[in-house]
Protein backbone atom coordinates (compact mmCIF):
# COMPACT_ATOMS: atom_id res chain seq x y z
CA MET A 1 -7.79 -18.99 -11.65
CA GLU A 2 -10.79 -19.02 -13.99
CA TYR A 3 -10.66 -15.26 -14.52
CA SER A 4 -7.85 -13.12 -13.16
CA LEU A 5 -7.27 -9.39 -13.05
CA ASP A 6 -3.97 -7.83 -14.11
CA PHE A 7 -2.63 -7.48 -10.57
CA GLU A 8 -3.54 -11.13 -9.88
CA LYS A 9 -1.30 -12.50 -12.67
CA PRO A 10 1.64 -13.34 -10.32
CA ILE A 11 -0.76 -15.42 -8.18
CA GLU A 12 -2.17 -17.09 -11.29
CA PHE A 13 1.36 -17.99 -12.44
CA ILE A 14 2.18 -19.78 -9.15
CA GLU A 15 -1.18 -21.56 -9.07
CA LYS A 16 -0.57 -22.79 -12.61
CA GLN A 17 2.76 -24.22 -11.48
CA ILE A 18 1.04 -25.97 -8.56
CA GLU A 19 -1.60 -27.41 -10.88
CA ASP A 20 1.04 -28.69 -13.31
CA LEU A 21 3.00 -30.35 -10.50
CA ARG A 22 -0.14 -32.04 -9.16
CA ASN A 23 -1.01 -33.36 -12.62
CA ALA A 24 2.51 -34.69 -13.09
CA ALA A 25 2.92 -36.07 -9.56
CA GLN A 26 3.32 -39.81 -8.99
CA ASN A 27 3.09 -41.28 -5.49
CA GLY A 28 3.45 -37.81 -3.95
CA ASP A 29 6.85 -37.15 -5.57
CA ASN A 30 6.21 -33.39 -5.78
CA ALA A 31 4.58 -32.94 -2.38
CA ALA A 32 7.39 -30.85 -0.88
CA GLN A 33 7.64 -28.61 -3.93
CA ILE A 34 3.86 -28.13 -4.05
CA LYS A 35 3.81 -27.24 -0.35
CA GLU A 36 6.54 -24.64 -0.86
CA LEU A 37 4.75 -23.08 -3.83
CA GLN A 38 1.45 -23.03 -1.95
CA LYS A 39 3.12 -21.21 0.95
CA LYS A 40 4.59 -18.71 -1.53
CA SER A 41 1.15 -18.21 -3.10
CA ASP A 42 -0.49 -17.57 0.29
CA ILE A 43 2.11 -14.96 1.22
CA LEU A 44 1.80 -13.26 -2.16
CA GLN A 45 -2.01 -13.13 -1.91
CA LYS A 46 -1.86 -11.48 1.51
CA GLN A 47 0.64 -8.93 0.24
CA ILE A 48 -1.40 -8.06 -2.86
CA TYR A 49 -4.88 -7.97 -1.30
CA SER A 50 -3.80 -6.06 1.81
CA SER A 51 -2.54 -3.10 -0.22
CA LEU A 52 -5.03 -2.70 -3.06
CA SER A 53 -5.40 0.69 -4.75
CA ALA A 54 -8.80 2.30 -5.32
CA TRP A 55 -8.72 1.24 -8.98
CA GLN A 56 -7.90 -2.36 -8.10
CA ARG A 57 -10.85 -2.48 -5.69
CA ILE A 58 -13.08 -1.16 -8.48
CA GLN A 59 -11.87 -3.98 -10.71
CA ILE A 60 -12.84 -6.49 -8.01
CA ALA A 61 -16.22 -4.77 -7.59
CA ARG A 62 -16.80 -5.33 -11.32
CA HIS A 63 -15.51 -8.90 -11.37
CA PRO A 64 -17.79 -11.05 -13.60
CA ARG A 65 -17.95 -13.83 -11.00
CA ARG A 66 -18.80 -11.51 -8.11
CA PRO A 67 -22.11 -12.40 -6.38
CA TYR A 68 -25.06 -10.27 -7.44
CA CYS A 69 -28.16 -9.18 -5.56
CA PHE A 70 -30.23 -12.32 -6.21
CA ASP A 71 -27.33 -14.54 -5.08
CA TYR A 72 -27.45 -12.86 -1.67
CA ILE A 73 -31.25 -12.93 -1.54
CA LYS A 74 -31.19 -16.72 -1.93
CA ASP A 75 -28.58 -17.12 0.83
CA ILE A 76 -29.81 -14.55 3.34
CA PHE A 77 -33.61 -14.48 3.07
CA LYS A 78 -36.44 -17.01 3.02
CA ASN A 79 -39.68 -17.07 1.03
CA PHE A 80 -38.69 -14.25 -1.33
CA ILE A 81 -41.58 -13.22 -3.59
CA GLU A 82 -40.74 -10.76 -6.37
CA LEU A 83 -43.13 -7.90 -7.08
CA HIS A 84 -43.30 -6.42 -10.57
CA GLY A 85 -44.22 -3.17 -12.28
CA ASP A 86 -44.48 0.51 -11.37
CA ARG A 87 -48.23 0.70 -12.16
CA ALA A 88 -47.50 3.46 -14.66
CA PHE A 89 -45.28 2.23 -17.51
CA GLY A 90 -43.80 -1.21 -17.06
CA ASP A 91 -41.49 -3.54 -15.18
CA ASP A 92 -37.76 -2.81 -15.02
CA HIS A 93 -35.69 -5.98 -14.61
CA ALA A 94 -32.62 -3.98 -13.52
CA LEU A 95 -34.20 -3.53 -10.09
CA LEU A 96 -35.40 -6.50 -8.05
CA CYS A 97 -38.16 -5.77 -5.56
CA GLY A 98 -39.98 -8.16 -3.30
CA ILE A 99 -41.09 -9.34 0.11
CA ALA A 100 -39.22 -11.91 2.16
CA GLN A 101 -38.40 -13.13 5.65
CA PHE A 102 -35.17 -12.25 7.41
CA GLN A 103 -34.63 -14.51 10.41
CA GLY A 104 -38.40 -14.75 10.86
CA LEU A 105 -38.91 -10.99 10.42
CA PRO A 106 -41.05 -9.90 7.43
CA VAL A 107 -39.03 -7.43 5.33
CA VAL A 108 -38.96 -5.80 1.91
CA VAL A 109 -35.88 -6.37 -0.25
CA ILE A 110 -34.82 -4.13 -3.15
CA GLY A 111 -31.64 -4.28 -5.20
CA HIS A 112 -29.92 -3.74 -8.52
CA GLN A 113 -29.46 -6.93 -10.52
CA LYS A 114 -26.90 -7.52 -13.28
CA GLY A 115 -26.68 -10.49 -15.63
CA ARG A 116 -24.08 -13.23 -15.99
CA VAL A 117 -24.25 -13.63 -19.76
CA LEU A 118 -24.92 -11.13 -22.55
CA GLU A 119 -28.56 -12.12 -23.03
CA GLU A 120 -29.31 -11.73 -19.31
CA ASN A 121 -27.37 -8.48 -19.14
CA MET A 122 -29.44 -7.08 -22.00
CA ASP A 123 -32.60 -8.04 -20.10
CA ARG A 124 -31.25 -6.51 -16.88
CA ASN A 125 -29.77 -3.54 -18.76
CA PHE A 126 -26.42 -4.21 -17.04
CA GLY A 127 -27.97 -3.22 -13.71
CA MET A 128 -28.77 0.33 -14.89
CA ALA A 129 -32.37 1.08 -13.97
CA HIS A 130 -34.89 3.12 -15.97
CA PRO A 131 -37.36 5.53 -14.30
CA GLU A 132 -39.94 2.74 -14.01
CA GLY A 133 -37.40 0.80 -11.92
CA TYR A 134 -37.13 3.60 -9.36
CA ARG A 135 -40.91 4.10 -9.39
CA LYS A 136 -41.37 0.38 -8.80
CA ALA A 137 -38.89 0.54 -5.91
CA LEU A 138 -40.75 3.46 -4.34
CA ARG A 139 -44.10 1.70 -4.77
CA VAL A 140 -42.76 -1.33 -2.90
CA MET A 141 -41.20 0.91 -0.22
CA LYS A 142 -44.61 2.53 0.37
CA LEU A 143 -46.01 -0.99 0.68
CA ALA A 144 -43.36 -1.73 3.31
CA GLU A 145 -44.38 1.41 5.19
CA LYS A 146 -48.06 0.45 5.06
CA PHE A 147 -47.41 -2.99 6.58
CA ASN A 148 -44.57 -1.82 8.88
CA ARG A 149 -41.83 -3.91 7.27
CA PRO A 150 -38.15 -2.87 7.44
CA ILE A 151 -36.52 -2.23 4.06
CA ILE A 152 -33.20 -3.74 3.00
CA THR A 153 -31.60 -2.51 -0.23
CA PHE A 154 -28.61 -3.79 -2.19
CA ILE A 155 -26.72 -1.33 -4.39
CA ASP A 156 -24.81 -2.60 -7.41
CA THR A 157 -24.97 -0.28 -10.41
CA SER A 158 -22.61 1.91 -12.39
CA GLY A 159 -25.46 4.45 -12.49
CA ALA A 160 -29.02 4.98 -13.63
CA TYR A 161 -29.56 4.39 -17.35
CA PRO A 162 -28.62 7.64 -19.19
CA GLY A 163 -30.39 6.90 -22.50
CA ILE A 164 -32.88 9.14 -24.31
CA ALA A 165 -35.85 6.90 -23.47
CA ALA A 166 -35.05 7.09 -19.76
CA GLU A 167 -34.77 10.88 -19.93
CA GLU A 168 -38.06 11.12 -21.82
CA ARG A 169 -39.81 9.13 -19.09
CA GLY A 170 -38.41 11.34 -16.31
CA GLN A 171 -35.25 9.70 -14.98
CA ALA A 172 -34.15 12.69 -12.90
CA GLU A 173 -37.65 13.24 -11.48
CA ALA A 174 -38.01 9.56 -10.53
CA ILE A 175 -34.72 9.52 -8.63
CA ALA A 176 -35.41 12.90 -6.99
CA ARG A 177 -38.82 11.67 -5.83
CA ASN A 178 -37.18 8.58 -4.29
CA LEU A 179 -34.67 10.75 -2.43
CA ARG A 180 -37.45 12.90 -1.03
CA ASP A 181 -39.93 10.17 -0.16
CA MET A 182 -37.35 7.78 1.32
CA SER A 183 -36.41 10.56 3.73
CA PHE A 184 -39.91 10.48 5.24
CA LEU A 185 -40.57 6.73 5.35
CA LYS A 186 -41.70 5.52 8.77
CA VAL A 187 -39.81 2.20 8.63
CA PRO A 188 -36.05 1.59 8.98
CA ILE A 189 -33.94 1.24 5.85
CA VAL A 190 -30.57 -0.53 5.78
CA THR A 191 -28.50 -0.47 2.61
CA VAL A 192 -25.57 -2.67 1.57
CA VAL A 193 -23.29 -1.64 -1.31
CA ILE A 194 -22.30 -5.03 -2.74
CA GLY A 195 -20.41 -3.98 -5.88
CA GLU A 196 -20.64 -0.77 -7.85
CA GLY A 197 -22.33 2.24 -6.28
CA GLY A 198 -22.50 4.86 -8.99
CA SER A 199 -24.15 8.28 -8.89
CA GLY A 200 -27.89 8.92 -8.44
CA GLY A 201 -28.58 5.43 -9.71
CA ALA A 202 -27.18 4.15 -6.42
CA LEU A 203 -28.56 6.89 -4.19
CA GLY A 204 -32.05 6.32 -5.62
CA ILE A 205 -32.38 3.36 -3.26
CA GLY A 206 -29.75 4.49 -0.74
CA VAL A 207 -31.32 7.15 1.49
CA SER A 208 -31.09 4.89 4.51
CA ASN A 209 -30.68 4.82 8.25
CA LYS A 210 -27.55 2.71 7.87
CA VAL A 211 -25.30 2.27 4.83
CA LEU A 212 -22.91 -0.69 4.85
CA MET A 213 -20.29 -1.56 2.24
CA LEU A 214 -18.52 -4.72 1.23
CA GLU A 215 -14.78 -4.28 1.52
CA ASN A 216 -14.14 -4.32 -2.24
CA SER A 217 -17.09 -2.23 -3.39
CA TYR A 218 -17.18 1.47 -4.24
CA TYR A 219 -19.69 4.29 -3.73
CA SER A 220 -19.31 7.54 -5.62
CA VAL A 221 -21.07 10.54 -7.12
CA ILE A 222 -19.77 9.45 -10.53
CA SER A 223 -17.87 6.56 -12.09
CA PRO A 224 -14.08 6.99 -12.41
CA GLU A 225 -14.39 6.90 -16.21
CA GLY A 226 -17.07 9.60 -16.16
CA CYS A 227 -15.04 11.75 -13.78
CA ALA A 228 -11.91 11.40 -15.94
CA ALA A 229 -13.84 12.29 -19.10
CA ILE A 230 -15.24 15.46 -17.52
CA LEU A 231 -12.25 16.71 -15.49
CA PHE A 232 -9.33 15.47 -17.59
CA ARG A 233 -11.18 15.12 -20.92
CA ASP A 234 -9.61 11.69 -21.09
CA ALA A 235 -11.49 8.57 -19.91
CA THR A 236 -8.22 6.60 -19.86
CA LYS A 237 -7.26 8.53 -16.71
CA ALA A 238 -9.90 6.63 -14.73
CA GLN A 239 -7.27 5.21 -12.40
CA GLU A 240 -6.13 8.70 -11.41
CA ALA A 241 -9.77 9.80 -10.98
CA ALA A 242 -10.51 6.78 -8.75
CA GLU A 243 -7.83 7.85 -6.28
CA ALA A 244 -9.08 11.45 -6.24
CA LEU A 245 -12.74 10.53 -5.73
CA LYS A 246 -12.12 8.78 -2.36
CA LEU A 247 -14.71 6.15 -3.23
CA THR A 248 -13.47 3.09 -1.35
CA ALA A 249 -15.17 1.73 1.76
CA LYS A 250 -12.20 2.73 3.91
CA ASP A 251 -12.31 6.35 2.64
CA LEU A 252 -16.07 6.62 3.10
CA LEU A 253 -16.05 5.18 6.61
CA LYS A 254 -13.38 7.69 7.58
CA MET A 255 -15.60 10.51 6.25
CA LYS A 256 -18.64 9.01 8.04
CA ILE A 257 -20.57 8.58 4.79
CA ILE A 258 -21.08 4.88 5.58
CA ASP A 259 -21.53 3.08 8.88
CA GLU A 260 -19.63 -0.19 8.54
CA ILE A 261 -17.27 -2.11 6.25
CA ILE A 262 -18.18 -5.77 5.78
CA GLU A 263 -15.04 -7.86 5.30
CA GLU A 264 -14.74 -10.11 2.27
CA PRO A 265 -12.82 -13.39 1.89
CA LEU A 266 -9.23 -13.01 0.71
CA GLY A 267 -9.34 -12.08 -2.97
CA GLY A 268 -12.93 -10.85 -2.99
CA ALA A 269 -16.51 -12.01 -2.43
CA HIS A 270 -16.43 -14.30 -5.48
CA HIS A 271 -13.84 -16.54 -3.78
CA ASN A 272 -16.37 -17.55 -1.12
CA PRO A 273 -19.92 -16.23 -1.77
CA ASN A 274 -21.44 -18.20 1.11
CA LYS A 275 -19.01 -16.71 3.62
CA THR A 276 -19.69 -13.22 2.25
CA ALA A 277 -23.45 -13.77 2.54
CA ALA A 278 -23.01 -14.90 6.15
CA SER A 279 -21.04 -11.72 6.92
CA ILE A 280 -23.76 -9.56 5.36
CA LYS A 281 -26.41 -11.42 7.35
CA ARG A 282 -24.58 -10.74 10.63
CA ALA A 283 -24.20 -7.04 9.76
CA LEU A 284 -27.89 -6.70 8.84
CA THR A 285 -28.93 -8.36 12.09
CA LYS A 286 -26.71 -6.02 14.08
CA HIS A 287 -27.94 -2.82 12.44
CA LEU A 288 -31.64 -3.68 12.13
CA LYS A 289 -32.13 -4.74 15.74
CA PRO A 290 -32.05 -1.27 17.40
CA TYR A 291 -34.68 0.11 15.01
CA LEU A 292 -37.22 -2.56 15.89
CA LYS A 293 -37.61 -0.85 19.29
CA MET A 294 -38.02 2.68 17.85
CA ASP A 295 -41.20 4.46 16.84
CA TYR A 296 -41.49 6.06 13.42
CA LYS A 297 -40.56 9.54 14.66
CA GLU A 298 -37.27 8.24 16.07
CA ILE A 299 -36.55 6.32 12.86
CA ARG A 300 -37.12 9.42 10.73
CA ALA A 301 -35.05 11.60 13.05
CA ASP A 302 -32.19 9.09 12.96
CA ARG A 303 -32.17 9.08 9.14
CA TYR A 304 -32.31 12.87 9.00
CA ALA A 305 -29.44 13.21 11.48
CA LYS A 306 -27.28 10.81 9.48
CA PHE A 307 -27.46 12.84 6.28
CA ARG A 308 -27.45 16.21 8.04
CA ALA A 309 -24.11 15.35 9.63
CA MET A 310 -22.38 14.63 6.31
CA GLY A 311 -19.79 17.13 5.20
CA ILE A 312 -17.61 19.44 7.27
CA PHE A 313 -17.60 23.19 6.81
CA GLU A 314 -16.67 26.35 8.67
CA GLU A 315 -18.37 29.73 8.68
CA PHE A 316 -16.15 32.80 8.83
CA THR A 317 -17.38 36.26 9.68
CA GLN A 318 -15.50 39.34 8.49
CA LYS A 319 -13.99 39.61 12.00
CA HIS A 320 -12.67 36.03 11.87
CA GLN A 321 -11.14 36.61 8.44
CA THR A 322 -9.37 39.78 9.64
CA GLU A 323 -8.00 38.00 12.73
CA LYS A 324 -6.80 35.10 10.57
CA ARG A 325 -4.92 37.46 8.24
CA LYS A 326 -3.28 39.18 11.22
CA SER A 327 -2.14 35.88 12.71
CA ARG A 328 -0.62 34.88 9.35
CA LYS A 329 1.32 38.16 9.18
CA LYS A 330 2.68 37.61 12.70
CA ALA A 331 3.74 34.09 11.80
CA ARG A 332 5.83 35.49 8.95
């Protein structure tokens, strides 16, 4: 394996043995041994990847070979044309925005973009957008509304950029404006969390009619490291924080925060990017189709209902509280 995570080391060890046997093989001498080791590797992979912890899924979400937004754009859409600038300050390369065709349907595509190498990551700011990125995204969303084009967004960021320059240019205001204005857009919005989904930086392009998640992505109000630093005053307790945050796709589907989990190839999206892109394409087709028959009032109402239904709470009057105390006393 070109790059392996800690929990993948046992798999890497077996694959190294298989590779050594193949290199040393003459006339198929080691065929039986290779077959046995390959079977052992397959079983081990299924055992490991079927019982991943929240922290292990986060590690996969951050894998350096994991497909990024532009990788999916190239595989899923046709005739993508990138649009630049917020018409106020500048162009933020951490957020890709553009027009494209999705199975013949004109759409707008927006997504966080990270870099593969240090130089590209510096240019993309590691996928952490500045205020001008969110203003650019909103400008393009308004364009989509004007020309009645559905909006598809891809979330992959640890969070919005928290630097002084971003704060000076109104980071919180830019994200808050996106949250408000996305709520009232007349066109459908479908979001896919493809990797990291951190804090307001993710939600700034995530107020959608449908939110989908790749199996090994995460979506959370804060990163595990940030949560650990605040609650435990120790960022090294990120693994413990990850479990407490309930940020995996499975947890969020159970709580009805998201609408569907998109399965990944065994080991993660980076093991078969084309297959992952095909799965995303099928999910987008499925969830976009119903909205093409709705008018803008129905689309807005659907989006409102989705977010209004999040969270479960109970209201207790004084009478209910008194009755509850009495029932507890009787139970004793």
